[in-house]
Amino acid sequence: MHLAILVVHIVVALSLIGFILIQHGKGADAGAAALGGGGGASSSLFGSQGSSSFLSRSSAILATVFFITSLTLAYFSGATDRLESVTQIDTVTETLKSAPADLPDLP
């Protein structure tokens, strides 16, 4: 389960980076209007408002999924079996049993 959420998290993160890099800034519309390049053909593909609403809505959905997977991964990393006491560690007793017997007595 942890691995599946991690894979989804990485795919969503890379997709989110791609969607953000594809978007153009608010100042790009003013520059295009001043130079006379309206770009009417590209706006008909995504609707009357252009690609900005499609890309911004997709980015918002991906950001929400990224946030949810981040919280889920944080929950799973904190839900490991924790020791309540040092006496629960088995390795301490094993190392004491394997100590060499020819050690001198302490003064």
Protein backbone atom coordinates (compact mmCIF):
# COMPACT_ATOMS: atom_id res chain seq x y z
CA MET A 1 0.00 0.00 0.00
CA HIS A 2 2.82 2.34 0.92
CA LEU A 3 4.61 1.71 -2.38
CA ALA A 4 1.45 2.31 -4.46
CA ILE A 5 0.81 5.65 -2.76
CA LEU A 6 4.46 6.61 -3.25
CA VAL A 7 4.25 5.84 -6.97
CA VAL A 8 1.04 7.88 -7.31
CA HIS A 9 2.69 10.71 -5.36
CA ILE A 10 5.70 10.81 -7.70
CA VAL A 11 3.55 10.67 -10.84
CA VAL A 12 1.30 13.46 -9.55
CA ALA A 13 4.34 15.57 -8.60
CA LEU A 14 5.86 15.24 -12.07
CA SER A 15 2.50 15.95 -13.72
CA LEU A 16 2.00 18.99 -11.53
CA ILE A 17 5.42 20.33 -12.52
CA GLY A 18 4.57 19.80 -16.17
CA PHE A 19 1.18 21.51 -15.94
CA ILE A 20 2.66 24.50 -14.13
CA LEU A 21 5.44 24.90 -16.69
CA ILE A 22 2.94 24.73 -19.58
CA GLN A 23 0.85 27.59 -18.20
CA HIS A 24 1.62 31.11 -19.27
CA GLY A 25 1.58 34.10 -16.99
CA LYS A 26 -1.02 36.85 -16.77
CA GLY A 27 1.29 39.30 -18.53
CA ALA A 28 1.55 37.07 -21.59
CA ASP A 29 -2.00 37.97 -22.69
CA ALA A 30 -1.22 41.69 -22.64
CA GLY A 31 1.91 41.17 -24.72
CA ALA A 32 0.07 39.07 -27.27
CA ALA A 33 -2.70 41.65 -27.62
CA ALA A 34 -0.20 44.48 -28.07
CA LEU A 35 1.63 42.66 -30.86
CA GLY A 36 -1.56 41.74 -32.67
CA GLY A 37 -1.34 37.96 -32.24
CA GLY A 38 -4.76 37.08 -30.89
CA GLY A 39 -4.33 33.31 -30.98
CA GLY A 40 -8.00 32.62 -31.62
CA ALA A 41 -7.41 29.12 -32.95
CA SER A 42 -5.83 27.87 -29.74
CA SER A 43 -8.67 29.14 -27.57
CA SER A 44 -11.30 27.16 -29.48
CA LEU A 45 -9.69 23.87 -28.45
CA PHE A 46 -10.17 24.41 -24.71
CA GLY A 47 -13.28 26.57 -24.80
CA SER A 48 -14.04 30.26 -24.96
CA GLN A 49 -11.68 31.23 -22.14
CA GLY A 50 -8.68 29.50 -23.64
CA SER A 51 -6.36 26.97 -22.11
CA SER A 52 -5.81 28.88 -18.87
CA SER A 53 -8.96 27.64 -17.13
CA PHE A 54 -8.33 24.02 -18.19
CA LEU A 55 -4.71 24.11 -17.06
CA SER A 56 -5.42 25.96 -13.82
CA ARG A 57 -8.26 23.58 -12.94
CA SER A 58 -6.07 20.56 -13.72
CA SER A 59 -3.26 22.03 -11.62
CA ALA A 60 -5.63 22.59 -8.71
CA ILE A 61 -6.86 18.99 -8.87
CA LEU A 62 -3.31 17.66 -9.08
CA ALA A 63 -2.26 19.88 -6.17
CA THR A 64 -5.12 18.49 -4.07
CA VAL A 65 -4.15 14.90 -4.90
CA PHE A 66 -0.50 15.74 -4.12
CA PHE A 67 -1.52 17.17 -0.74
CA ILE A 68 -3.63 14.10 0.10
CA THR A 69 -0.87 11.67 -0.87
CA SER A 70 1.64 13.71 1.15
CA LEU A 71 -0.53 13.47 4.25
CA THR A 72 -1.12 9.76 3.68
CA LEU A 73 2.60 9.07 3.32
CA ALA A 74 3.30 11.08 6.47
CA TYR A 75 0.69 9.06 8.35
CA PHE A 76 2.16 5.75 7.17
CA SER A 77 5.69 6.79 8.11
CA GLY A 78 4.56 7.70 11.62
CA ALA A 79 2.49 4.55 12.11
CA THR A 80 5.43 2.19 12.47
CA ASP A 81 5.70 -0.12 15.46
CA ARG A 82 7.43 1.86 18.16
CA LEU A 83 9.08 0.40 21.21
CA GLU A 84 7.64 1.44 24.54
CA SER A 85 10.66 0.38 26.54
CA VAL A 86 14.28 -0.54 26.08
CA THR A 87 13.52 -3.99 27.48
CA GLN A 88 11.58 -4.83 24.33
CA ILE A 89 14.75 -4.87 22.25
CA ASP A 90 15.88 -8.44 21.58
CA THR A 91 19.30 -7.47 20.32
CA VAL A 92 20.47 -6.37 23.79
CA THR A 93 19.97 -9.81 25.29
CA GLU A 94 21.59 -11.50 22.28
CA THR A 95 24.74 -9.38 22.57
CA LEU A 96 25.02 -10.10 26.27
CA LYS A 97 24.78 -13.83 25.63
CA SER A 98 27.46 -13.70 22.95
CA ALA A 99 30.07 -11.90 25.08
CA PRO A 100 33.34 -13.81 25.43
CA ALA A 101 33.73 -15.79 28.67
CA ASP A 102 37.45 -15.15 29.13
CA LEU A 103 37.12 -11.51 30.16
CA PRO A 104 38.83 -10.58 33.44
CA ASP A 105 36.74 -9.50 36.42
CA LEU A 106 36.42 -5.81 37.03
CA PRO A 107 38.13 -4.47 40.21
